[in-house]
N, C-alpha and C. Protein backbone atom coordinates (compact mmCIF):
# COMPACT_ATOMS: atom_id res chain seq x y z
N UNK A 1 -34.35 37.33 -28.69
CA UNK A 1 -32.77 37.56 -28.48
C UNK A 1 -33.14 39.02 -27.25
N UNK A 2 -32.51 38.90 -26.40
CA UNK A 2 -32.42 40.29 -25.42
C UNK A 2 -31.41 41.24 -25.82
N UNK A 3 -30.34 40.29 -26.39
CA UNK A 3 -28.98 41.88 -26.77
C UNK A 3 -29.28 42.19 -28.20
N UNK A 4 -29.11 43.59 -27.85
CA UNK A 4 -29.08 44.16 -29.14
C UNK A 4 -28.36 43.92 -30.63
N UNK A 5 -27.39 43.48 -30.16
CA UNK A 5 -25.98 43.44 -30.89
C UNK A 5 -25.89 41.49 -31.10
N UNK A 6 -24.96 41.55 -32.25
CA UNK A 6 -24.65 40.16 -32.53
C UNK A 6 -22.82 40.35 -32.82
N UNK A 7 -21.90 38.99 -32.27
CA UNK A 7 -20.88 39.01 -32.74
C UNK A 7 -20.94 37.49 -33.40
N UNK A 8 -20.76 37.56 -34.48
CA UNK A 8 -20.71 36.09 -35.20
C UNK A 8 -19.11 35.93 -35.48
N UNK A 9 -18.72 34.83 -35.25
CA UNK A 9 -17.10 34.23 -34.81
C UNK A 9 -17.21 32.95 -36.18
N UNK A 10 -15.94 33.25 -36.67
CA UNK A 10 -15.99 32.24 -37.71
C UNK A 10 -15.14 30.67 -37.05
N UNK A 11 -14.58 29.75 -38.02
CA UNK A 11 -14.04 28.67 -37.56
C UNK A 11 -13.13 28.84 -36.69
N UNK A 12 -13.32 28.01 -35.66
CA UNK A 12 -12.12 27.83 -34.68
C UNK A 12 -11.19 26.85 -34.62
N UNK A 13 -11.61 25.64 -35.31
CA UNK A 13 -10.59 24.59 -35.49
C UNK A 13 -9.79 24.20 -34.57
N UNK A 14 -10.22 24.31 -33.15
CA UNK A 14 -8.93 23.94 -32.39
C UNK A 14 -7.83 25.01 -31.52
N UNK A 15 -8.09 26.31 -31.86
CA UNK A 15 -7.16 27.20 -31.98
C UNK A 15 -7.64 28.03 -30.58
N UNK A 16 -7.26 27.05 -29.50
CA UNK A 16 -7.70 27.56 -28.35
C UNK A 16 -7.34 29.29 -27.63
N UNK A 17 -5.98 29.19 -27.89
CA UNK A 17 -5.60 30.45 -27.37
C UNK A 17 -6.03 31.80 -28.53
N UNK A 18 -6.13 31.25 -29.55
CA UNK A 18 -6.59 32.57 -30.68
C UNK A 18 -7.97 32.90 -29.97
N UNK A 19 -9.11 32.03 -30.12
CA UNK A 19 -10.58 31.96 -29.69
C UNK A 19 -10.26 32.72 -28.26
N UNK A 20 -9.89 32.59 -27.40
CA UNK A 20 -9.61 33.11 -26.07
C UNK A 20 -9.19 34.77 -26.24
N UNK A 21 -8.25 34.89 -27.00
CA UNK A 21 -8.00 36.20 -27.44
C UNK A 21 -8.79 37.06 -27.98
N UNK A 22 -9.41 36.79 -29.22
CA UNK A 22 -10.91 37.46 -29.66
C UNK A 22 -11.93 37.79 -28.90
N UNK A 23 -11.98 36.94 -28.21
CA UNK A 23 -13.09 37.01 -26.91
C UNK A 23 -12.65 38.01 -26.05
N UNK A 24 -11.62 37.90 -25.53
CA UNK A 24 -11.44 39.06 -24.65
C UNK A 24 -11.14 40.53 -25.08
N UNK A 25 -10.76 40.34 -26.27
CA UNK A 25 -10.23 41.67 -26.90
C UNK A 25 -11.63 42.66 -27.68
N UNK A 26 -12.60 41.59 -27.85
CA UNK A 26 -13.83 42.31 -28.86
C UNK A 26 -14.81 41.92 -28.70
N UNK A 27 -15.08 41.09 -27.72
CA UNK A 27 -16.38 40.53 -27.45
C UNK A 27 -17.03 41.35 -26.08
N UNK A 28 -18.44 42.04 -26.35
CA UNK A 28 -19.11 42.47 -24.80
C UNK A 28 -20.20 41.58 -24.66
N UNK A 29 -20.32 40.61 -23.84
CA UNK A 29 -21.26 39.67 -23.21
C UNK A 29 -22.34 40.22 -22.80
N UNK A 30 -22.43 41.64 -22.34
CA UNK A 30 -23.50 42.11 -22.21
C UNK A 30 -24.58 42.66 -23.30
N UNK A 31 -23.64 43.43 -23.83
CA UNK A 31 -24.32 43.63 -25.22
C UNK A 31 -24.61 42.70 -26.63
N UNK A 32 -23.58 41.72 -26.53
CA UNK A 32 -23.48 40.95 -28.12
C UNK A 32 -23.74 39.70 -27.49
N UNK A 33 -24.45 39.08 -28.49
CA UNK A 33 -24.76 37.44 -28.57
C UNK A 33 -23.69 37.26 -29.34
N UNK A 34 -23.12 36.32 -28.34
CA UNK A 34 -21.94 35.39 -29.57
C UNK A 34 -22.56 34.06 -30.14
N UNK A 35 -22.52 34.21 -31.50
CA UNK A 35 -22.92 33.07 -32.39
C UNK A 35 -21.62 32.72 -33.19
N UNK A 36 -21.08 31.33 -32.80
CA UNK A 36 -20.14 30.85 -33.62
C UNK A 36 -20.49 30.02 -34.47
N UNK A 37 -19.69 29.80 -36.01
CA UNK A 37 -20.49 29.20 -37.14
C UNK A 37 -20.27 27.91 -37.53
N UNK A 38 -19.42 27.12 -36.37
CA UNK A 38 -19.39 25.72 -36.40
C UNK A 38 -17.87 25.49 -36.68
N UNK A 39 -17.43 24.12 -36.92
CA UNK A 39 -16.13 23.86 -36.81
C UNK A 39 -15.28 24.28 -35.77
N UNK A 40 -15.62 23.76 -34.15
CA UNK A 40 -14.79 24.17 -33.02
C UNK A 40 -13.57 23.35 -33.23
N UNK A 41 -13.70 22.03 -33.59
CA UNK A 41 -12.60 21.18 -33.53
C UNK A 41 -11.82 20.98 -35.00
N UNK A 42 -10.77 20.19 -34.57
CA UNK A 42 -9.66 19.38 -35.29
C UNK A 42 -9.13 20.51 -36.04
N UNK A 43 -7.64 19.90 -36.81
CA UNK A 43 -6.70 20.69 -37.23
C UNK A 43 -5.41 21.21 -36.50
N UNK A 44 -6.51 22.36 -35.60
CA UNK A 44 -5.61 23.21 -34.51
C UNK A 44 -5.27 22.03 -33.38
N UNK A 45 -4.24 22.17 -32.47
CA UNK A 45 -3.89 21.97 -31.26
C UNK A 45 -4.79 21.46 -30.14
N UNK A 46 -6.01 22.60 -29.86
CA UNK A 46 -6.56 22.52 -28.61
C UNK A 46 -8.10 22.29 -28.76
N UNK A 47 -8.33 21.01 -29.66
CA UNK A 47 -9.91 20.89 -29.93
C UNK A 47 -10.62 20.79 -28.45
N UNK A 48 -10.00 19.99 -27.85
CA UNK A 48 -10.81 19.77 -26.27
C UNK A 48 -11.08 21.13 -25.43
N UNK A 49 -10.12 21.76 -25.23
CA UNK A 49 -10.15 23.02 -24.44
C UNK A 49 -11.11 23.76 -25.14
N UNK A 50 -11.02 23.84 -26.32
CA UNK A 50 -12.26 24.99 -26.97
C UNK A 50 -13.38 24.33 -27.08
N UNK A 51 -13.88 23.12 -27.02
CA UNK A 51 -14.91 22.34 -26.89
C UNK A 51 -15.49 23.10 -25.32
N UNK A 52 -14.52 22.87 -24.30
CA UNK A 52 -14.85 23.36 -22.82
C UNK A 52 -15.17 24.76 -22.92
N UNK A 53 -14.64 25.23 -23.29
CA UNK A 53 -14.54 26.63 -23.38
C UNK A 53 -15.96 27.36 -24.08
N UNK A 54 -16.34 26.60 -24.99
CA UNK A 54 -17.73 26.82 -25.82
C UNK A 54 -18.81 26.28 -24.85
N UNK A 55 -18.61 25.39 -24.07
CA UNK A 55 -19.77 24.92 -23.31
C UNK A 55 -20.18 25.83 -22.38
N UNK A 56 -18.93 26.25 -21.86
CA UNK A 56 -18.86 27.01 -20.50
C UNK A 56 -19.73 28.40 -21.14
N UNK A 57 -19.33 28.87 -22.06
CA UNK A 57 -20.00 30.17 -22.97
C UNK A 57 -21.47 30.00 -23.13
N UNK A 58 -21.95 29.05 -23.52
CA UNK A 58 -23.10 28.51 -23.93
C UNK A 58 -23.84 28.43 -22.68
N UNK A 59 -23.42 27.94 -21.21
CA UNK A 59 -24.25 27.85 -20.19
C UNK A 59 -24.27 29.36 -19.26
N UNK A 60 -23.12 29.88 -19.37
CA UNK A 60 -23.04 31.36 -18.63
C UNK A 60 -23.82 32.50 -19.33
N UNK A 61 -23.44 32.35 -20.76
CA UNK A 61 -23.95 33.46 -21.61
C UNK A 61 -25.05 33.53 -22.66
N UNK A 62 -25.43 32.26 -22.86
CA UNK A 62 -26.12 32.08 -23.60
C UNK A 62 -25.75 31.82 -25.33
N UNK A 63 -24.13 31.57 -24.95
CA UNK A 63 -23.85 31.57 -26.51
C UNK A 63 -24.25 30.72 -27.43
N UNK A 64 -24.46 30.92 -29.07
CA UNK A 64 -25.04 29.79 -29.72
C UNK A 64 -23.64 29.20 -30.74
N UNK A 65 -23.16 27.86 -30.39
CA UNK A 65 -22.60 27.23 -31.29
C UNK A 65 -23.36 26.27 -32.55
N UNK A 66 -23.35 26.72 -33.67
CA UNK A 66 -23.74 26.25 -34.97
C UNK A 66 -23.05 24.58 -35.42
N UNK A 67 -23.72 23.72 -36.20
CA UNK A 67 -23.14 22.69 -36.36
C UNK A 67 -22.14 22.99 -37.58
N UNK A 68 -21.56 22.42 -37.90
CA UNK A 68 -20.18 22.39 -38.74
C UNK A 68 -19.90 21.03 -39.23
N UNK A 69 -19.44 21.06 -40.21
CA UNK A 69 -19.05 19.49 -41.22
C UNK A 69 -18.23 18.64 -40.15
N UNK A 70 -17.20 19.27 -39.34
CA UNK A 70 -16.43 18.27 -38.50
C UNK A 70 -17.01 18.11 -37.21
N UNK A 71 -18.22 18.75 -36.48
CA UNK A 71 -18.80 18.05 -35.73
C UNK A 71 -19.79 17.27 -35.93
N UNK A 72 -20.18 17.18 -37.47
CA UNK A 72 -21.36 16.27 -38.03
C UNK A 72 -20.79 15.13 -38.10
N UNK A 73 -19.18 14.88 -38.80
CA UNK A 73 -18.53 14.07 -39.02
C UNK A 73 -18.25 13.20 -37.58
N UNK A 74 -17.88 13.97 -36.64
CA UNK A 74 -17.81 12.99 -35.15
C UNK A 74 -18.95 12.72 -34.87
N UNK A 75 -20.40 12.96 -35.30
CA UNK A 75 -21.82 12.58 -34.96
C UNK A 75 -21.79 11.21 -35.69
N UNK A 76 -21.44 11.27 -36.80
CA UNK A 76 -21.89 10.47 -37.78
C UNK A 76 -20.98 9.24 -37.13
N UNK A 77 -19.55 9.12 -36.91
CA UNK A 77 -18.85 8.25 -36.41
C UNK A 77 -19.54 7.79 -35.15
N UNK A 78 -20.06 8.13 -34.24
CA UNK A 78 -20.32 7.83 -32.63
C UNK A 78 -21.47 7.19 -33.20
N UNK A 79 -22.58 7.44 -34.48
CA UNK A 79 -23.40 6.57 -34.90
C UNK A 79 -23.00 5.42 -35.60
N UNK A 80 -22.01 5.36 -35.93
CA UNK A 80 -21.27 4.01 -36.88
C UNK A 80 -21.73 4.35 -38.22
N UNK A 81 -21.74 5.39 -38.59
CA UNK A 81 -22.04 6.17 -40.27
C UNK A 81 -21.00 6.68 -40.51
N UNK A 82 -19.86 6.89 -40.11
CA UNK A 82 -18.62 7.80 -40.93
C UNK A 82 -17.67 7.07 -41.55
N UNK A 83 -16.89 7.67 -42.16
CA UNK A 83 -16.05 6.79 -43.30
C UNK A 83 -14.71 6.66 -42.97
N UNK A 84 -13.96 6.07 -43.56
CA UNK A 84 -12.66 5.76 -43.22
C UNK A 84 -11.80 7.22 -43.25
N UNK A 85 -11.82 8.03 -44.41
CA UNK A 85 -11.14 9.49 -44.43
C UNK A 85 -11.30 10.13 -43.08
N UNK A 86 -12.54 10.16 -42.52
CA UNK A 86 -12.57 11.19 -41.78
C UNK A 86 -12.58 10.36 -40.56
N UNK A 87 -12.34 9.11 -40.28
CA UNK A 87 -11.76 8.63 -38.90
C UNK A 87 -10.41 8.78 -38.79
N UNK A 88 -9.51 8.49 -40.44
CA UNK A 88 -8.26 8.44 -40.05
C UNK A 88 -7.95 9.84 -39.74
N UNK A 89 -8.41 11.03 -40.49
CA UNK A 89 -7.65 12.16 -40.56
C UNK A 89 -8.04 13.04 -39.23
N UNK A 90 -9.30 12.92 -38.81
CA UNK A 90 -9.76 14.04 -37.92
C UNK A 90 -10.66 13.27 -36.71
N UNK A 91 -11.48 12.51 -37.29
CA UNK A 91 -12.20 11.93 -35.76
C UNK A 91 -11.10 11.21 -35.09
N UNK A 92 -10.14 10.15 -35.66
CA UNK A 92 -9.52 9.38 -34.90
C UNK A 92 -8.48 10.09 -34.09
N UNK A 93 -7.56 11.15 -34.58
CA UNK A 93 -6.96 12.14 -33.80
C UNK A 93 -7.74 12.78 -32.94
N UNK A 94 -9.05 13.19 -32.91
CA UNK A 94 -9.68 13.91 -32.00
C UNK A 94 -9.83 13.22 -30.67
N UNK A 95 -10.53 11.54 -30.91
CA UNK A 95 -10.70 11.01 -29.92
C UNK A 95 -9.33 10.33 -29.42
N UNK A 96 -8.10 10.60 -29.86
CA UNK A 96 -6.95 10.22 -28.78
C UNK A 96 -6.65 11.55 -28.25
N UNK A 97 -6.95 12.81 -28.42
CA UNK A 97 -6.80 13.88 -27.44
C UNK A 97 -7.58 13.65 -25.95
N UNK A 98 -8.63 13.00 -26.61
CA UNK A 98 -9.78 13.28 -25.41
C UNK A 98 -9.10 11.85 -24.63
N UNK A 99 -8.84 10.61 -25.17
CA UNK A 99 -8.12 9.56 -24.50
C UNK A 99 -6.94 9.95 -23.42
N UNK A 100 -5.95 11.11 -24.28
CA UNK A 100 -5.01 11.79 -23.29
C UNK A 100 -5.21 12.11 -22.42
N UNK A 101 -6.34 12.99 -21.95
CA UNK A 101 -6.57 13.95 -21.21
C UNK A 101 -7.56 12.69 -20.03
N UNK A 102 -7.73 11.87 -20.66
CA UNK A 102 -8.88 11.04 -19.79
C UNK A 102 -10.22 11.41 -19.77
N UNK A 103 -10.74 11.93 -21.06
CA UNK A 103 -11.91 12.25 -20.99
C UNK A 103 -13.09 11.88 -22.01
N UNK A 104 -14.23 11.86 -21.80
CA UNK A 104 -15.03 11.34 -22.61
C UNK A 104 -15.40 12.01 -23.93
N UNK A 105 -14.79 11.34 -25.19
CA UNK A 105 -15.40 11.93 -26.43
C UNK A 105 -17.04 11.91 -26.50
N UNK A 106 -17.63 11.09 -26.52
CA UNK A 106 -18.78 10.99 -26.58
C UNK A 106 -20.14 11.89 -25.72
N UNK A 107 -19.14 12.17 -24.61
CA UNK A 107 -20.10 13.16 -23.77
C UNK A 107 -20.15 14.52 -24.74
N UNK A 108 -18.87 14.79 -25.35
CA UNK A 108 -19.02 16.13 -26.20
C UNK A 108 -19.78 16.16 -27.43
N UNK A 109 -19.77 14.54 -28.06
CA UNK A 109 -20.56 14.65 -29.27
C UNK A 109 -22.07 14.66 -28.89
N UNK A 110 -22.36 14.03 -27.75
CA UNK A 110 -23.76 14.46 -27.33
C UNK A 110 -24.04 15.89 -27.34
N UNK A 111 -22.91 16.77 -27.24
CA UNK A 111 -23.45 18.10 -27.13
C UNK A 111 -23.95 18.51 -28.41
N UNK A 112 -22.58 17.83 -29.43
CA UNK A 112 -22.66 18.53 -31.12
C UNK A 112 -23.99 18.22 -31.45
N UNK A 113 -24.49 17.23 -30.77
CA UNK A 113 -25.80 16.62 -31.97
C UNK A 113 -27.09 17.56 -31.38
N UNK A 114 -27.07 18.48 -30.39
CA UNK A 114 -27.89 19.54 -30.02
C UNK A 114 -27.54 20.86 -30.84
N UNK A 115 -26.71 20.87 -31.61
CA UNK A 115 -26.12 22.13 -31.94
C UNK A 115 -27.10 22.34 -33.33
N UNK A 116 -27.74 23.43 -33.78
CA UNK A 116 -28.65 23.76 -34.65
C UNK A 116 -27.49 23.96 -36.07
N UNK A 117 -28.81 23.93 -37.10
CA UNK A 117 -27.88 23.87 -38.10
C UNK A 117 -27.53 25.28 -38.70
N UNK A 118 -28.59 26.39 -37.75
CA UNK A 118 -28.73 27.74 -38.22
C UNK A 118 -28.99 28.58 -37.06
N UNK A 119 -28.62 29.87 -37.03
CA UNK A 119 -29.68 30.65 -36.62
C UNK A 119 -29.91 31.94 -37.11
N UNK A 120 -31.33 32.20 -37.01
CA UNK A 120 -31.78 33.11 -38.09
C UNK A 120 -32.81 34.32 -37.15
N UNK A 121 -33.21 35.61 -37.88
CA UNK A 121 -34.34 36.05 -37.47
C UNK A 121 -34.60 36.89 -38.75
N UNK A 122 -35.40 37.68 -38.45
CA UNK A 122 -36.29 38.52 -39.78
C UNK A 122 -35.27 38.98 -40.70
N UNK A 123 -33.98 39.49 -40.24
CA UNK A 123 -33.20 39.70 -40.98
C UNK A 123 -31.50 39.35 -41.29
N UNK A 124 -31.45 38.19 -40.51
CA UNK A 124 -30.18 37.47 -40.74
C UNK A 124 -30.15 35.96 -40.74
N UNK A 125 -29.38 35.48 -41.34
CA UNK A 125 -29.23 33.89 -41.69
C UNK A 125 -27.84 33.58 -41.22
N UNK A 126 -27.56 32.75 -40.14
CA UNK A 126 -26.09 32.58 -40.01
C UNK A 126 -26.15 30.59 -39.90
N UNK A 127 -25.60 30.34 -40.87
CA UNK A 127 -24.93 28.89 -40.94
C UNK A 127 -23.43 28.63 -41.34
N UNK A 128 -22.79 27.24 -41.15
CA UNK A 128 -21.57 26.94 -41.34
C UNK A 128 -21.36 27.33 -42.68
N UNK A 129 -22.19 27.16 -43.84
CA UNK A 129 -21.59 27.19 -45.25
C UNK A 129 -22.54 27.74 -46.16
N UNK A 130 -24.15 28.30 -45.65
CA UNK A 130 -24.68 28.82 -46.18
C UNK A 130 -25.67 28.13 -47.43
N UNK A 131 -26.61 29.24 -48.12
CA UNK A 131 -27.40 28.81 -48.48
C UNK A 131 -27.35 29.04 -50.19
N UNK A 132 -27.05 28.42 -51.22
CA UNK A 132 -26.91 28.36 -52.21
C UNK A 132 -27.95 28.14 -53.29
N UNK A 133 -29.06 27.99 -52.94
CA UNK A 133 -29.99 27.60 -53.96
C UNK A 133 -30.44 25.96 -54.23
N UNK A 134 -29.40 25.29 -54.14
CA UNK A 134 -30.02 23.96 -54.27
C UNK A 134 -31.01 23.39 -53.27
N UNK A 135 -31.83 22.29 -53.57
CA UNK A 135 -32.63 21.66 -52.67
C UNK A 135 -32.36 21.06 -51.20
N UNK A 136 -33.07 20.95 -50.28
CA UNK A 136 -32.68 20.68 -49.20
C UNK A 136 -31.48 21.26 -48.21
N UNK A 137 -31.71 22.59 -48.26
CA UNK A 137 -30.23 23.24 -47.47
C UNK A 137 -30.06 22.63 -46.28
N UNK A 138 -30.81 22.12 -45.54
CA UNK A 138 -30.53 21.68 -44.10
C UNK A 138 -30.77 20.26 -43.89
N UNK A 139 -30.37 19.41 -45.21
CA UNK A 139 -29.85 18.24 -44.97
C UNK A 139 -28.23 18.07 -44.85
N UNK A 140 -28.03 17.64 -43.37
CA UNK A 140 -26.53 17.85 -43.26
C UNK A 140 -25.52 16.70 -43.97
N UNK A 141 -26.33 15.83 -45.01
CA UNK A 141 -25.54 15.02 -45.91
C UNK A 141 -25.50 15.64 -47.05
N UNK A 142 -25.99 16.79 -47.30
CA UNK A 142 -26.02 17.42 -48.81
C UNK A 142 -24.89 18.08 -48.99
N UNK A 143 -24.41 17.68 -49.93
CA UNK A 143 -22.79 18.44 -50.37
C UNK A 143 -23.36 19.80 -50.73
N UNK A 144 -24.32 20.07 -50.95
CA UNK A 144 -24.63 21.77 -51.24
C UNK A 144 -25.51 22.27 -50.14
N UNK A 145 -25.79 21.82 -49.16
CA UNK A 145 -26.35 22.02 -47.78
C UNK A 145 -25.78 22.94 -47.12
N UNK A 146 -26.28 23.57 -45.84
CA UNK A 146 -25.49 24.51 -45.01
C UNK A 146 -24.34 23.89 -44.31
N UNK A 147 -23.86 23.00 -44.11
CA UNK A 147 -22.86 22.76 -43.49
C UNK A 147 -21.72 22.00 -44.66
N UNK A 148 -21.78 22.06 -45.82
CA UNK A 148 -20.98 21.39 -46.77
C UNK A 148 -20.73 22.33 -48.24
N UNK A 149 -21.54 23.47 -48.51
CA UNK A 149 -21.71 23.89 -49.42
C UNK A 149 -20.28 25.26 -49.62
N UNK A 150 -19.72 24.87 -50.97
CA UNK A 150 -18.71 25.89 -51.53
C UNK A 150 -19.40 26.44 -52.51
N UNK A 151 -20.62 26.21 -53.12
CA UNK A 151 -20.98 27.19 -54.42
C UNK A 151 -21.55 28.71 -53.67
N UNK A 152 -21.58 29.65 -54.89
CA UNK A 152 -21.86 31.01 -54.61
C UNK A 152 -23.19 30.93 -53.96
N UNK A 153 -23.18 31.63 -52.76
CA UNK A 153 -24.71 31.65 -52.22
C UNK A 153 -25.48 32.59 -53.05
N UNK A 154 -26.88 32.34 -52.52
CA UNK A 154 -27.94 32.94 -53.12
C UNK A 154 -28.44 34.06 -52.58
N UNK A 155 -28.84 34.95 -52.48
CA UNK A 155 -29.52 36.44 -52.09
C UNK A 155 -31.01 35.74 -51.61
N UNK A 156 -31.06 35.28 -50.17
CA UNK A 156 -32.07 35.07 -49.93
C UNK A 156 -33.14 36.37 -49.36
N UNK A 157 -32.84 37.41 -49.23
CA UNK A 157 -33.26 38.44 -48.66
C UNK A 157 -33.05 38.58 -47.21
N UNK A 158 -32.03 37.82 -46.43
CA UNK A 158 -31.53 38.13 -45.21
C UNK A 158 -30.13 38.17 -45.45
N UNK A 159 -29.27 38.73 -44.91
CA UNK A 159 -27.77 38.82 -44.81
C UNK A 159 -27.41 37.58 -43.94
N UNK A 160 -26.83 36.82 -44.75
CA UNK A 160 -26.19 35.67 -44.79
C UNK A 160 -24.84 35.88 -43.88
N UNK A 161 -24.45 35.09 -42.87
CA UNK A 161 -22.91 34.89 -42.42
C UNK A 161 -22.45 33.18 -42.36
N UNK A 162 -21.54 33.25 -42.72
CA UNK A 162 -20.88 31.69 -43.15
C UNK A 162 -19.70 31.70 -42.61
N UNK A 163 -18.97 30.40 -42.49
CA UNK A 163 -17.60 30.06 -42.71
C UNK A 163 -17.18 29.03 -43.42
N UNK A 164 -16.74 28.06 -43.18
CA UNK A 164 -16.36 26.83 -43.75
C UNK A 164 -15.63 27.15 -44.84
N UNK A 165 -15.36 27.80 -45.82
CA UNK A 165 -14.36 27.86 -46.82
C UNK A 165 -13.39 29.11 -46.56
N UNK A 166 -12.08 28.79 -45.91
CA UNK A 166 -11.15 30.20 -45.61
C UNK A 166 -10.73 30.80 -46.68
N UNK A 167 -10.55 32.37 -46.50
CA UNK A 167 -10.19 33.08 -47.22
C UNK A 167 -9.10 33.50 -47.43
N UNK A 168 -8.47 33.66 -48.89
CA UNK A 168 -6.86 33.12 -49.13
C UNK A 168 -6.31 33.95 -48.46
N UNK A 169 -6.52 35.42 -47.56
CA UNK A 169 -5.50 36.25 -47.32
C UNK A 169 -5.68 36.47 -45.87
N UNK A 170 -6.44 35.65 -45.19
CA UNK A 170 -6.66 35.95 -43.90
C UNK A 170 -7.75 36.97 -43.07
N UNK A 171 -8.45 37.39 -44.29
CA UNK A 171 -9.28 38.55 -43.92
C UNK A 171 -10.98 38.62 -44.58
N UNK A 172 -11.85 38.83 -43.71
CA UNK A 172 -13.22 38.47 -44.07
C UNK A 172 -13.73 38.57 -45.29
N UNK A 173 -14.31 38.22 -46.01
CA UNK A 173 -14.96 38.64 -47.05
C UNK A 173 -16.16 39.48 -46.95
N UNK A 174 -16.51 40.51 -46.83
CA UNK A 174 -17.71 41.23 -46.58
C UNK A 174 -18.22 41.73 -47.85
N UNK A 175 -19.54 41.44 -48.56
CA UNK A 175 -19.88 41.60 -49.65
C UNK A 175 -21.85 42.36 -49.19
N UNK A 176 -21.47 43.47 -48.97
CA UNK A 176 -23.24 43.92 -48.80
C UNK A 176 -24.07 43.69 -49.85
N UNK A 177 -23.67 44.02 -51.26
CA UNK A 177 -24.17 44.06 -52.49
C UNK A 177 -24.75 42.53 -52.52
N UNK A 178 -23.98 41.67 -52.38
CA UNK A 178 -24.33 40.54 -52.50
C UNK A 178 -24.90 39.47 -51.00
N UNK A 179 -25.01 40.35 -50.06
CA UNK A 179 -25.78 39.95 -48.78
C UNK A 179 -25.16 38.96 -47.98
N UNK A 180 -23.89 39.03 -47.96
CA UNK A 180 -23.22 37.97 -46.96
C UNK A 180 -21.65 38.08 -46.66
N UNK A 181 -21.35 37.50 -45.62
CA UNK A 181 -20.18 37.54 -45.23
C UNK A 181 -19.35 36.40 -44.84
N UNK A 182 -18.40 36.25 -45.18
CA UNK A 182 -17.64 34.83 -45.03
C UNK A 182 -16.57 35.25 -43.71
N UNK A 183 -16.67 34.63 -42.68
CA UNK A 183 -15.74 34.85 -41.30
C UNK A 183 -14.88 33.85 -41.42
N UNK A 184 -14.62 32.79 -42.17
CA UNK A 184 -13.56 31.69 -41.99
C UNK A 184 -12.45 32.09 -42.63
N UNK A 185 -11.40 33.08 -41.42
CA UNK A 185 -10.41 33.49 -42.09
C UNK A 185 -8.74 32.35 -42.04
N UNK A 186 -9.42 31.45 -41.92
CA UNK A 186 -8.06 30.13 -41.83
C UNK A 186 -7.31 30.31 -40.62
N UNK A 187 -7.48 30.34 -39.54
CA UNK A 187 -7.05 30.50 -38.26
C UNK A 187 -6.04 29.14 -38.06
N UNK A 188 -6.74 27.79 -38.55
CA UNK A 188 -5.58 26.94 -38.46
C UNK A 188 -4.68 27.10 -39.58
N UNK A 189 -4.71 27.62 -40.38
CA UNK A 189 -3.88 27.97 -41.46
C UNK A 189 -2.62 28.89 -41.07
N UNK A 190 -2.73 29.16 -39.79
CA UNK A 190 -2.07 30.42 -39.17
C UNK A 190 -2.03 31.75 -39.69
N UNK A 191 -3.32 31.95 -39.97
CA UNK A 191 -3.88 33.52 -40.52
C UNK A 191 -4.36 34.33 -39.48
N UNK A 192 -5.58 33.91 -39.26
CA UNK A 192 -6.21 34.75 -38.38
C UNK A 192 -7.69 34.13 -37.86
N UNK A 193 -8.47 34.85 -36.84
CA UNK A 193 -9.74 34.01 -36.73
C UNK A 193 -10.64 35.56 -36.48
N UNK A 194 -11.78 35.71 -37.02
CA UNK A 194 -12.30 36.94 -37.15
C UNK A 194 -13.84 36.57 -36.63
N UNK A 195 -14.36 37.79 -37.03
CA UNK A 195 -15.67 37.91 -36.65
C UNK A 195 -16.37 39.27 -37.45
N UNK A 196 -17.80 39.28 -37.23
CA UNK A 196 -18.40 40.51 -37.74
C UNK A 196 -19.63 40.79 -36.65
N UNK A 197 -19.63 41.82 -36.31
CA UNK A 197 -20.45 42.46 -35.51
C UNK A 197 -21.94 43.21 -36.33
N UNK A 198 -22.99 42.74 -35.88
CA UNK A 198 -24.07 42.98 -36.43
C UNK A 198 -25.20 43.50 -35.53
N UNK A 199 -26.03 44.66 -35.88
CA UNK A 199 -27.31 44.81 -34.95
C UNK A 199 -28.36 43.63 -35.44
N UNK A 200 -29.04 43.76 -34.21
CA UNK A 200 -30.04 42.74 -34.71
C UNK A 200 -30.71 42.59 -35.77
N UNK A 201 -31.06 43.62 -36.40
CA UNK A 201 -31.66 43.85 -37.69
C UNK A 201 -30.95 43.91 -38.78
N UNK A 202 -29.80 43.51 -38.75
CA UNK A 202 -28.72 43.12 -39.89
C UNK A 202 -27.88 44.36 -40.41
N UNK A 203 -27.68 45.32 -39.49
CA UNK A 203 -26.79 46.50 -39.69
C UNK A 203 -25.45 46.17 -39.42
N UNK A 204 -24.56 46.59 -40.09
CA UNK A 204 -23.13 46.28 -40.20
C UNK A 204 -22.43 47.10 -39.17
N UNK A 205 -21.60 46.52 -38.39
CA UNK A 205 -21.31 47.39 -37.18
C UNK A 205 -19.52 47.61 -37.56
N UNK A 206 -18.98 45.88 -37.59
CA UNK A 206 -17.73 46.21 -37.70
C UNK A 206 -16.82 44.95 -37.78
N UNK A 207 -15.94 44.75 -38.57
CA UNK A 207 -15.26 43.61 -38.69
C UNK A 207 -14.15 43.48 -37.47
N UNK A 208 -13.91 42.45 -36.98
CA UNK A 208 -12.83 42.04 -35.96
C UNK A 208 -11.93 40.81 -36.17
N UNK A 209 -10.70 41.03 -36.04
CA UNK A 209 -10.00 39.71 -36.21
C UNK A 209 -8.35 39.73 -35.30
N UNK A 210 -8.19 38.69 -34.96
CA UNK A 210 -6.84 38.51 -34.16
C UNK A 210 -5.72 37.38 -35.41
N UNK A 211 -4.67 37.50 -35.35
CA UNK A 211 -3.76 36.70 -35.69
C UNK A 211 -3.77 35.63 -34.79
N UNK A 212 -3.59 34.37 -35.76
CA UNK A 212 -3.38 33.20 -34.92
C UNK A 212 -2.51 33.01 -33.97
N UNK A 213 -2.45 32.58 -32.63
CA UNK A 213 -1.36 32.29 -31.65
C UNK A 213 -0.63 31.53 -31.99
N UNK A 214 0.83 31.37 -32.12
CA UNK A 214 2.11 30.20 -32.39
C UNK A 214 1.52 28.98 -31.89
N UNK A 215 1.01 28.93 -30.50
CA UNK A 215 1.09 27.65 -29.97
C UNK A 215 -0.27 26.96 -30.65
N UNK A 216 -1.25 27.30 -30.95
CA UNK A 216 -2.49 26.45 -31.32
C UNK A 216 -2.40 25.54 -32.51
N UNK A 217 -1.32 25.68 -33.37
CA UNK A 217 -1.15 24.98 -34.35
C UNK A 217 0.33 24.53 -34.75
């Protein structure tokens, strides 16, 4: 990584205007590698625009977008493996958004398939839901793995940054003693979109947050 610091952003869930605002107000692309923990899509109103922006940020700035469970369920549906619940409540409505705009849902799902399950270095481990001490954490179908886990995280000797489980009050949970931070602050719930700034060696710099924009939900 050539940039000295990181900005790790929580679950966006289709909240395009909120995502744009956080980037405009808090991201320095010259100094900070942007890593987003997954779940760009569903729940908010603007999943397609979020994905288009994310692809642009990856192309122009080398931003990293990790695999969340919502992207994974789109992948499973594309492969013919999805279940009825996900198709009815999330994947189906997402496909309808693409169809209304005359865009190809499978084109973006092919991009999701390239998303890594983690970003890490010697000091930091970033994933959608974190490592909790269960076997096979990088199996995307494992309910205790890094895209589904909701159990207490293990201290793995690296500072973990996660999303997936919205905090109850719209504020990140930063626990240096437990060696992790949860930056999913429930943007789609009308709370906030948040992130954490770290040095490349895992030193805490700042928590950042913007309130959810009304037009996103």
